[in-house]
Amino acid sequence: MPKKQLLIAIAGIALVALLLIFGNTTAPKSKVQAPEAKAVKNFDIIQFIEEEKKTFISFSIDQS
């Protein structure tokens, strides 16, 4: 029984070591910044909603 427990303990430690070595799933950070990430785009939600309302109303009128 002690040999079996020792074998299980060693296998567990080996598994943990492998997970620590190969388990890092975070992607490395890119040193080159994407061009679109540099530009700050303003988005006006109120204006977007108003435009969508106009589109929806004109679509509803076309359907009738």
Protein backbone atom coordinates (compact mmCIF):
# COMPACT_ATOMS: atom_id res chain seq x y z
CA MET A 1 0.00 0.00 0.00
CA PRO A 2 2.73 2.61 0.73
CA LYS A 3 4.29 1.97 -2.71
CA LYS A 4 0.94 2.58 -4.37
CA GLN A 5 0.43 5.81 -2.40
CA LEU A 6 3.96 6.95 -3.25
CA LEU A 7 3.34 6.27 -6.94
CA ILE A 8 0.06 8.22 -6.84
CA ALA A 9 1.75 11.12 -5.04
CA ILE A 10 4.60 11.26 -7.56
CA ALA A 11 2.13 11.10 -10.45
CA GLY A 12 0.12 13.94 -8.88
CA ILE A 13 3.20 16.10 -8.42
CA ALA A 14 4.25 15.40 -12.01
CA LEU A 15 0.78 16.37 -13.24
CA VAL A 16 0.85 19.63 -11.29
CA ALA A 17 4.34 20.39 -12.63
CA LEU A 18 3.18 19.79 -16.21
CA LEU A 19 0.16 22.01 -15.69
CA LEU A 20 2.34 24.78 -14.30
CA ILE A 21 4.76 24.53 -17.22
CA PHE A 22 2.32 24.07 -20.12
CA GLY A 23 -0.92 25.39 -18.64
CA ASN A 24 -0.34 29.08 -19.25
CA THR A 25 -3.00 30.04 -21.79
CA THR A 26 -2.57 33.81 -21.76
CA ALA A 27 -1.45 35.12 -25.14
CA PRO A 28 1.74 37.16 -25.25
CA LYS A 29 1.15 40.87 -25.62
CA SER A 30 1.81 42.26 -29.05
CA LYS A 31 4.44 44.98 -29.22
CA VAL A 32 2.85 46.45 -32.37
CA GLN A 33 -0.34 48.35 -31.73
CA ALA A 34 -3.14 48.00 -34.27
CA PRO A 35 -3.79 51.23 -36.19
CA GLU A 36 -7.51 51.28 -35.37
CA ALA A 37 -6.70 50.95 -31.68
CA LYS A 38 -4.82 54.25 -31.76
CA ALA A 39 -7.75 56.28 -33.10
CA VAL A 40 -10.44 57.10 -30.58
CA LYS A 41 -13.81 56.93 -32.27
CA ASN A 42 -16.67 58.89 -30.76
CA PHE A 43 -19.98 57.07 -30.75
CA ASP A 44 -23.12 59.03 -29.97
CA ILE A 45 -25.77 56.55 -28.85
CA ILE A 46 -28.57 59.16 -28.99
CA GLN A 47 -27.77 59.99 -32.61
CA PHE A 48 -27.60 56.28 -33.46
CA ILE A 49 -31.04 55.65 -31.92
CA GLU A 50 -32.55 58.60 -33.79
CA GLU A 51 -31.13 57.31 -37.09
CA GLU A 52 -32.47 53.84 -36.39
CA LYS A 53 -35.92 55.29 -35.61
CA LYS A 54 -35.92 57.10 -38.96
CA THR A 55 -34.86 53.92 -40.75
CA PHE A 56 -37.53 51.89 -38.97
CA ILE A 57 -40.26 54.44 -39.69
CA SER A 58 -39.35 54.65 -43.38
CA PHE A 59 -39.23 50.84 -43.56
CA SER A 60 -42.66 50.61 -41.91
CA ILE A 61 -44.14 53.12 -44.35
CA ASP A 62 -42.66 51.22 -47.31
CA GLN A 63 -44.22 47.97 -46.10
CA SER A 64 -47.76 49.39 -45.87
